[in-house]
Amino acid sequence: MGKKFWYKLSAAVVCCVMLLAMLPLAAMEVQADDEDTLKDLNSRYEELEAQQTELQNKIDQAKTEKEKQLAIKEKTASEISILKEQISVLNQKITYLETEIANREEEIANLNSDIDENYELFKQRVRSMYMTDNTTTLGLVFGSDSFSEFLTRSEYLKRVAEHDQALIDQLNTDKASVEEAKKALDADREDLEASQTSVEAKKAELDQKLSATEQQIQNISQMEQEFLANKEALQQEMKEVQDEIDAIYAAMDNSGDYVGGSFSYPIPSYRSISSYYGWRFGGTDFHTGVDFPAPAGTPILAPNAGVVSYTKNTYVPGVGYGRYMIVDHGGGYTTLYGHLSAIVAQLGERVSKGETIAKVGTTGWSTGNHLHFEIRVDGQHQNPLNYLAS
């Protein structure tokens, strides 16, 4: 082998060293850019989530029922706007990850090509060394003009072998890393696509809630106007209704033990509240439960196990709770359901948690389909929200 061969070999070694140095640097730069982009998208999504929490403060600070409903309407409208932005962010994220996956796949193909090319070169070198006697250590000794030239040739061959192996190892490592990243990105894309579908469904639900909330505001306003216009008569009617209910509770046997566990929402799909527990209509009427607006006929589920202890199907239109029922959960805990369109469970029937016991209606003094829901302990009404599990 002549000096020209060794010059070419030296140049190849330098190229190998440069390639090995450049590959990890480029990968680090790409990875840093990827992380920054995803970090920005995730940060924007979290900011939108935080905005929803801030909206709840307006509802908590509202003093009257009507103010609460206006705040709920604003919150619902804002949530819709926020969800649209979140969907936009998720779409950007999906597009970005799809591009990254395509880039990674191209990178894998390029790395495979490099591996094949370098493997062929490696085989050619092995073949040449095998066919040429003076590629052996003994051949180097006799083929060299001097001991110094022998050492130089030995060092070049050693470097070529080391860097060829290092290059192949590096390419294999890169390939494995990229393939693993591709799997992770595929999983992220599937997750984001599922999230987008979920958010779209939530947006549709909020659109429906916004429409319902607008109707609730009108109903609350109408009810307040009616109450103030006929305050004395309605207060007398409500007193009579409460006296009737108090008598029912006084006659109930509360000797049984509490069934245990927490109370769930009686209409899981409709948790918005049109009228809260406590004073309303400028402090002129005390509301003994919470109202959950829902379409007529919506199933009402038992929030806990119990026994149907009272049902009333006869009522005077426009007066009191209309058609209503009471479920005894033991230990002095009871729940009351008013303005029903139908009572499904039978008097004396033992019901399980989550079982349909009645259906939403607008019987009695009501300006729209909703469930009036009460929780009482030893016959005394309580704020149901203190007992309902989130």
Protein backbone atom coordinates (compact mmCIF):
# COMPACT_ATOMS: atom_id res chain seq x y z
CA MET A 1 0.00 0.00 0.00
CA GLY A 2 1.36 3.41 -0.96
CA LYS A 3 1.34 6.74 0.78
CA LYS A 4 -1.64 7.86 -1.36
CA PHE A 5 -3.75 5.16 0.24
CA TRP A 6 -2.79 6.29 3.73
CA TYR A 7 -3.63 9.92 2.91
CA LYS A 8 -7.11 8.82 1.77
CA LEU A 9 -7.47 6.69 4.87
CA SER A 10 -6.48 9.61 7.07
CA ALA A 11 -9.10 11.80 5.40
CA ALA A 12 -11.75 9.11 5.97
CA VAL A 13 -10.88 8.99 9.65
CA VAL A 14 -11.25 12.76 9.94
CA CYS A 15 -14.66 12.58 8.23
CA CYS A 16 -15.78 9.86 10.61
CA VAL A 17 -14.72 11.94 13.61
CA MET A 18 -16.54 15.01 12.30
CA LEU A 19 -19.73 13.03 11.57
CA LEU A 20 -19.73 11.51 15.03
CA ALA A 21 -19.28 14.94 16.59
CA MET A 22 -22.04 16.54 14.52
CA LEU A 23 -24.75 13.89 15.03
CA PRO A 24 -25.30 14.33 18.79
CA LEU A 25 -25.04 18.14 18.50
CA ALA A 26 -27.74 18.26 15.82
CA ALA A 27 -29.93 15.89 17.79
CA MET A 28 -29.58 18.04 20.90
CA GLU A 29 -30.58 21.18 19.00
CA VAL A 30 -33.66 19.50 17.47
CA GLN A 31 -34.68 18.04 20.83
CA ALA A 32 -34.36 21.44 22.53
CA ASP A 33 -36.54 23.06 19.87
CA ASP A 34 -39.15 20.28 20.21
CA GLU A 35 -39.30 20.65 23.98
CA ASP A 36 -39.68 24.44 23.76
CA THR A 37 -42.53 24.17 21.25
CA LEU A 38 -44.43 21.57 23.24
CA LYS A 39 -43.78 23.51 26.45
CA ASP A 40 -45.31 26.65 24.90
CA LEU A 41 -48.40 24.74 23.72
CA ASN A 42 -48.88 23.04 27.08
CA SER A 43 -48.39 26.33 28.91
CA ARG A 44 -51.07 28.01 26.78
CA TYR A 45 -53.50 25.16 27.46
CA GLU A 46 -52.90 25.41 31.22
CA GLU A 47 -53.49 29.18 31.14
CA LEU A 48 -56.89 28.56 29.56
CA GLU A 49 -57.69 26.03 32.26
CA ALA A 50 -56.82 28.61 34.94
CA GLN A 51 -59.20 31.14 33.39
CA GLN A 52 -62.12 28.80 34.03
CA THR A 53 -61.32 28.74 37.75
CA GLU A 54 -61.35 32.53 37.90
CA LEU A 55 -64.84 32.63 36.42
CA GLN A 56 -66.21 30.67 39.39
CA ASN A 57 -65.35 33.58 41.70
CA LYS A 58 -68.01 35.77 40.11
CA ILE A 59 -70.65 33.16 40.88
CA ASP A 60 -69.49 32.84 44.49
CA GLN A 61 -69.61 36.63 44.95
CA ALA A 62 -73.12 37.04 43.52
CA LYS A 63 -75.64 38.16 46.15
CA THR A 64 -79.00 37.42 44.53
CA GLU A 65 -80.30 34.45 42.57
CA LYS A 66 -80.60 36.50 39.43
CA GLU A 67 -77.03 37.77 39.78
CA LYS A 68 -75.87 34.19 40.24
CA GLN A 69 -77.64 33.09 37.10
CA LEU A 70 -76.21 35.99 35.11
CA ALA A 71 -72.77 35.04 36.43
CA ILE A 72 -73.39 31.40 35.46
CA LYS A 73 -74.43 32.51 31.99
CA GLU A 74 -71.24 34.56 31.65
CA LYS A 75 -69.18 31.66 32.97
CA THR A 76 -70.80 29.24 30.54
CA ALA A 77 -70.30 31.59 27.58
CA SER A 78 -66.67 32.16 28.60
CA GLU A 79 -66.11 28.43 28.99
CA ILE A 80 -67.32 27.92 25.44
CA SER A 81 -64.89 30.55 24.20
CA ILE A 82 -62.08 29.04 26.26
CA LEU A 83 -62.87 25.56 24.99
CA LYS A 84 -62.66 26.80 21.41
CA GLU A 85 -59.20 28.17 22.15
CA GLN A 86 -58.23 24.92 23.82
CA ILE A 87 -59.37 23.00 20.76
CA SER A 88 -57.27 25.32 18.60
CA VAL A 89 -54.24 24.68 20.82
CA LEU A 90 -54.81 20.93 20.66
CA ASN A 91 -55.10 21.09 16.88
CA GLN A 92 -51.79 22.94 16.70
CA LYS A 93 -50.28 20.33 18.96
CA ILE A 94 -51.60 17.49 16.81
CA THR A 95 -50.31 19.12 13.61
CA TYR A 96 -46.95 19.74 15.22
CA LEU A 97 -46.62 16.17 16.46
CA GLU A 98 -47.64 14.75 13.09
CA THR A 99 -44.91 16.81 11.45
CA GLU A 100 -42.43 15.63 14.07
CA ILE A 101 -43.40 12.01 13.43
CA ALA A 102 -42.85 12.49 9.69
CA ASN A 103 -39.46 14.08 10.37
CA ARG A 104 -38.50 11.27 12.71
CA GLU A 105 -39.47 8.65 10.14
CA GLU A 106 -37.35 10.40 7.51
CA GLU A 107 -34.49 10.58 9.99
CA ILE A 108 -34.78 6.86 10.65
CA ALA A 109 -34.69 6.15 6.91
CA ASN A 110 -31.59 8.34 6.49
CA LEU A 111 -29.86 6.67 9.42
CA ASN A 112 -30.66 3.22 8.02
CA SER A 113 -29.21 4.31 4.71
CA ASP A 114 -26.06 5.56 6.45
CA ILE A 115 -25.76 2.31 8.35
CA ASP A 116 -26.07 0.26 5.15
CA GLU A 117 -23.56 2.45 3.33
CA ASN A 118 -20.99 2.33 6.11
CA TYR A 119 -21.50 -1.38 6.56
CA GLU A 120 -20.71 -1.91 2.87
CA LEU A 121 -17.57 0.21 3.22
CA PHE A 122 -16.59 -1.78 6.27
CA LYS A 123 -17.02 -5.06 4.39
CA GLN A 124 -14.96 -3.74 1.48
CA ARG A 125 -12.15 -2.77 3.84
CA VAL A 126 -12.20 -6.18 5.52
CA ARG A 127 -12.15 -7.84 2.13
CA SER A 128 -9.23 -5.66 0.98
CA MET A 129 -7.29 -6.34 4.17
CA TYR A 130 -7.90 -10.06 3.75
CA MET A 131 -6.75 -10.03 0.10
CA THR A 132 -3.68 -7.94 0.87
CA ASP A 133 -1.01 -9.72 2.89
CA ASN A 134 0.64 -6.58 4.12
CA THR A 135 -2.53 -5.52 5.93
CA THR A 136 -1.55 -7.99 8.65
CA THR A 137 0.73 -6.84 11.42
CA LEU A 138 3.55 -8.92 9.91
CA GLY A 139 2.80 -7.46 6.47
CA LEU A 140 2.97 -3.97 7.95
CA VAL A 141 6.40 -4.73 9.34
CA PHE A 142 7.83 -5.99 6.04
CA GLY A 143 5.81 -3.58 3.89
CA SER A 144 6.96 -0.51 5.73
CA ASP A 145 10.08 1.37 4.72
CA SER A 146 10.79 2.11 8.36
CA PHE A 147 9.60 1.29 11.85
CA SER A 148 8.18 4.79 12.09
CA GLU A 149 6.05 4.20 8.98
CA PHE A 150 4.87 0.89 10.47
CA LEU A 151 3.69 2.65 13.63
CA THR A 152 1.92 5.29 11.56
CA ARG A 153 0.13 2.68 9.47
CA SER A 154 -0.83 0.67 12.55
CA GLU A 155 -2.29 3.79 14.21
CA TYR A 156 -4.34 4.66 11.09
CA LEU A 157 -5.80 1.17 10.88
CA LYS A 158 -6.60 1.22 14.57
CA ARG A 159 -8.39 4.57 14.24
CA VAL A 160 -10.33 3.41 11.17
CA ALA A 161 -11.50 0.31 13.01
CA GLU A 162 -12.44 2.25 16.14
CA HIS A 163 -14.32 4.99 14.32
CA ASP A 164 -16.07 2.57 11.95
CA GLN A 165 -17.37 0.68 14.96
CA ALA A 166 -18.24 3.87 16.81
CA LEU A 167 -20.11 5.18 13.78
CA ILE A 168 -22.16 2.01 13.47
CA ASP A 169 -22.87 2.00 17.21
CA GLN A 170 -23.91 5.66 17.09
CA LEU A 171 -26.20 5.10 14.13
CA ASN A 172 -27.80 2.10 15.78
CA THR A 173 -28.30 4.08 18.98
CA ASP A 174 -29.84 6.97 17.06
CA LYS A 175 -32.12 4.60 15.20
CA ALA A 176 -33.34 2.98 18.44
CA SER A 177 -33.86 6.38 20.07
CA VAL A 178 -35.80 7.75 17.12
CA GLU A 179 -37.97 4.65 16.90
CA GLU A 180 -38.77 4.95 20.60
CA ALA A 181 -39.56 8.65 20.15
CA LYS A 182 -41.81 7.80 17.22
CA LYS A 183 -43.81 5.39 19.36
CA ALA A 184 -44.15 8.04 22.06
CA LEU A 185 -45.27 10.63 19.53
CA ASP A 186 -47.78 8.21 18.04
CA ALA A 187 -49.21 7.68 21.51
CA ASP A 188 -49.32 11.44 22.10
CA ARG A 189 -51.15 11.95 18.84
CA GLU A 190 -53.73 9.32 19.69
CA ASP A 191 -54.19 10.89 23.11
CA LEU A 192 -54.57 14.35 21.65
CA GLU A 193 -57.04 13.17 19.04
CA ALA A 194 -59.08 11.56 21.81
CA SER A 195 -58.82 14.76 23.84
CA GLN A 196 -60.03 16.79 20.90
CA THR A 197 -63.06 14.53 20.53
CA SER A 198 -63.73 14.88 24.25
CA VAL A 199 -63.44 18.65 24.15
CA GLU A 200 -65.73 18.85 21.12
CA ALA A 201 -68.32 16.83 23.06
CA LYS A 202 -67.89 19.10 26.08
CA LYS A 203 -68.31 22.16 23.87
CA ALA A 204 -71.58 20.77 22.53
CA GLU A 205 -72.70 20.14 26.11
CA LEU A 206 -71.82 23.69 27.12
CA ASP A 207 -73.69 25.09 24.11
CA GLN A 208 -76.73 23.22 25.39
CA LYS A 209 -76.14 24.50 28.92
CA LEU A 210 -75.85 28.07 27.70
CA SER A 211 -79.23 27.78 26.03
CA ALA A 212 -80.69 26.21 29.15
CA THR A 213 -79.13 28.88 31.37
CA GLU A 214 -80.69 31.66 29.32
CA GLN A 215 -84.06 30.00 29.87
CA GLN A 216 -83.30 29.61 33.58
CA ILE A 217 -82.61 33.36 33.90
CA GLN A 218 -85.97 34.09 32.32
CA ASN A 219 -87.66 31.55 34.62
CA ILE A 220 -86.01 32.93 37.77
CA SER A 221 -86.91 36.45 36.74
CA GLN A 222 -90.47 35.39 36.02
CA MET A 223 -90.72 33.54 39.33
CA GLU A 224 -89.32 36.49 41.26
CA GLN A 225 -91.76 38.90 39.61
CA GLU A 226 -94.66 36.55 40.34
CA PHE A 227 -93.56 36.08 43.93
CA LEU A 228 -93.17 39.81 44.62
CA ALA A 229 -96.50 40.56 42.94
CA ASN A 230 -98.29 37.97 45.08
CA LYS A 231 -95.93 37.79 48.01
CA GLU A 232 -98.42 37.42 50.85
CA ALA A 233 -100.50 34.76 49.12
CA LEU A 234 -97.46 32.77 47.99
CA GLN A 235 -95.78 33.02 51.38
CA GLN A 236 -98.96 31.61 52.94
CA GLU A 237 -99.03 28.77 50.40
CA MET A 238 -95.37 27.96 51.05
CA LYS A 239 -95.96 27.98 54.80
CA GLU A 240 -98.77 25.49 54.36
CA VAL A 241 -96.56 23.29 52.18
CA GLN A 242 -93.75 23.39 54.76
CA ASP A 243 -96.18 22.62 57.57
CA GLU A 244 -97.40 19.62 55.59
CA ILE A 245 -93.84 18.40 55.01
CA ASP A 246 -92.87 19.01 58.65
CA ALA A 247 -95.83 16.88 59.72
CA ILE A 248 -94.75 14.12 57.35
CA TYR A 249 -91.23 14.14 58.78
CA ALA A 250 -92.52 14.24 62.35
CA ALA A 251 -94.46 11.05 61.68
CA MET A 252 -91.53 9.23 60.10
CA ASP A 253 -89.64 6.51 61.96
CA ASN A 254 -85.94 7.47 61.98
CA SER A 255 -84.76 4.61 64.15
CA GLY A 256 -82.82 2.82 61.41
CA ASP A 257 -79.08 3.21 60.88
CA TYR A 258 -77.69 5.41 58.13
CA VAL A 259 -76.95 3.39 54.99
CA GLY A 260 -73.52 5.00 54.78
CA GLY A 261 -71.51 6.48 51.95
CA SER A 262 -71.79 9.85 50.24
CA PHE A 263 -74.67 11.29 48.22
CA SER A 264 -74.29 11.54 44.45
CA TYR A 265 -75.99 14.08 42.18
CA PRO A 266 -79.58 13.01 41.46
CA ILE A 267 -79.28 14.04 37.78
CA PRO A 268 -75.59 13.37 36.96
CA SER A 269 -75.78 14.92 33.48
CA TYR A 270 -77.43 18.12 34.70
CA ARG A 271 -75.55 19.71 37.59
CA SER A 272 -76.14 23.39 36.86
CA ILE A 273 -78.26 25.05 39.54
CA SER A 274 -81.01 27.55 38.80
CA SER A 275 -81.85 28.31 42.42
CA TYR A 276 -79.52 27.73 45.37
CA TYR A 277 -80.28 26.85 48.98
CA GLY A 278 -80.97 29.89 51.18
CA TRP A 279 -82.61 33.29 50.97
CA ARG A 280 -83.67 34.56 47.56
CA PHE A 281 -85.83 37.25 45.97
CA GLY A 282 -84.17 39.98 47.98
CA GLY A 283 -84.37 38.04 51.24
CA THR A 284 -88.13 37.54 51.07
CA ASP A 285 -88.18 33.78 50.46
CA PHE A 286 -86.06 30.98 51.93
CA HIS A 287 -85.37 28.19 49.47
CA THR A 288 -85.05 24.88 51.33
CA GLY A 289 -83.22 22.99 48.58
CA VAL A 290 -81.50 23.41 45.24
CA ASP A 291 -83.07 23.36 41.78
CA PHE A 292 -81.50 21.37 38.93
CA PRO A 293 -82.97 22.36 35.53
CA ALA A 294 -83.31 19.44 33.11
CA PRO A 295 -85.62 18.44 30.22
CA ALA A 296 -89.01 17.02 31.07
CA GLY A 297 -88.88 13.29 31.72
CA THR A 298 -85.16 13.20 32.56
CA PRO A 299 -84.56 10.24 34.92
CA ILE A 300 -83.81 11.12 38.55
CA LEU A 301 -81.44 8.66 40.22
CA ALA A 302 -81.37 7.78 43.90
CA PRO A 303 -78.30 9.59 45.31
CA ASN A 304 -77.96 6.87 47.93
CA ALA A 305 -79.64 3.64 48.94
CA GLY A 306 -82.85 3.94 50.95
CA VAL A 307 -86.56 3.29 51.27
CA VAL A 308 -89.31 5.32 49.60
CA SER A 309 -91.09 6.65 52.69
CA TYR A 310 -93.57 9.08 51.13
CA THR A 311 -95.10 9.84 47.73
CA LYS A 312 -97.65 12.42 46.67
CA ASN A 313 -99.19 12.27 43.22
CA THR A 314 -102.13 14.63 43.74
CA TYR A 315 -101.41 18.33 43.63
CA VAL A 316 -102.88 21.74 42.86
CA PRO A 317 -101.34 23.29 39.70
CA GLY A 318 -99.17 26.30 40.55
CA VAL A 319 -98.99 25.45 44.26
CA GLY A 320 -96.09 24.01 46.28
CA TYR A 321 -93.87 21.14 45.15
CA GLY A 322 -96.54 19.56 42.96
CA ARG A 323 -95.89 15.85 42.63
CA TYR A 324 -93.12 14.90 45.07
CA MET A 325 -91.56 12.03 47.03
CA ILE A 326 -89.28 11.40 50.02
CA VAL A 327 -86.62 8.69 50.40
CA ASP A 328 -85.39 7.65 53.86
CA HIS A 329 -81.67 6.77 54.00
CA GLY A 330 -81.62 5.86 57.71
CA GLY A 331 -80.06 7.62 60.66
CA GLY A 332 -82.34 10.65 60.20
CA TYR A 333 -81.08 11.33 56.63
CA THR A 334 -83.78 11.86 53.98
CA THR A 335 -84.01 13.33 50.49
CA LEU A 336 -86.99 15.09 48.92
CA TYR A 337 -87.74 15.44 45.20
CA GLY A 338 -90.24 18.04 43.98
CA HIS A 339 -92.05 19.17 40.78
CA LEU A 340 -91.91 15.63 39.37
CA SER A 341 -93.60 14.58 36.16
CA ALA A 342 -93.72 10.97 37.36
CA ILE A 343 -92.80 8.87 40.40
CA VAL A 344 -91.20 5.58 39.30
CA ALA A 345 -90.36 3.90 42.62
CA GLN A 346 -93.22 2.58 44.73
CA LEU A 347 -94.05 3.61 48.27
CA GLY A 348 -92.17 1.33 50.69
CA GLU A 349 -89.78 0.14 47.98
CA ARG A 350 -86.12 -0.26 48.86
CA VAL A 351 -84.03 1.49 46.20
CA SER A 352 -80.33 1.23 45.36
CA LYS A 353 -77.95 4.10 44.74
CA GLY A 354 -78.13 5.10 41.07
CA GLU A 355 -81.57 3.53 40.53
CA THR A 356 -84.20 5.58 38.67
CA ILE A 357 -86.83 6.69 41.18
CA ALA A 358 -88.67 9.55 39.40
CA LYS A 359 -88.66 11.88 36.40
CA VAL A 360 -88.17 15.64 36.03
CA GLY A 361 -91.24 17.80 35.57
CA THR A 362 -92.72 21.23 36.27
CA THR A 363 -95.66 20.43 38.53
CA GLY A 364 -96.65 22.75 41.37
CA TRP A 365 -95.27 26.30 41.59
CA SER A 366 -92.69 26.09 38.81
CA THR A 367 -91.87 28.11 35.73
CA GLY A 368 -89.88 25.40 33.95
CA ASN A 369 -88.82 21.76 34.08
CA HIS A 370 -86.45 21.17 36.96
CA LEU A 371 -85.88 19.06 40.07
CA HIS A 372 -86.27 20.64 43.50
CA PHE A 373 -83.90 18.57 45.64
CA GLU A 374 -83.62 18.64 49.43
CA ILE A 375 -81.50 16.84 52.00
CA ARG A 376 -82.82 16.80 55.55
CA VAL A 377 -81.27 15.54 58.77
CA ASP A 378 -83.77 14.73 61.52
CA GLY A 379 -86.36 16.63 59.52
CA GLN A 380 -84.29 19.84 59.29
CA HIS A 381 -83.39 21.00 55.79
CA GLN A 382 -79.69 21.38 55.03
CA ASN A 383 -77.66 22.82 52.16
CA PRO A 384 -77.54 19.82 49.77
CA LEU A 385 -74.25 20.99 48.29
CA ASN A 386 -72.57 20.22 51.59
CA TYR A 387 -73.48 16.55 51.14
CA LEU A 388 -73.24 15.92 47.40
CA ALA A 389 -69.99 14.30 46.28
CA SER A 390 -68.26 16.01 43.36
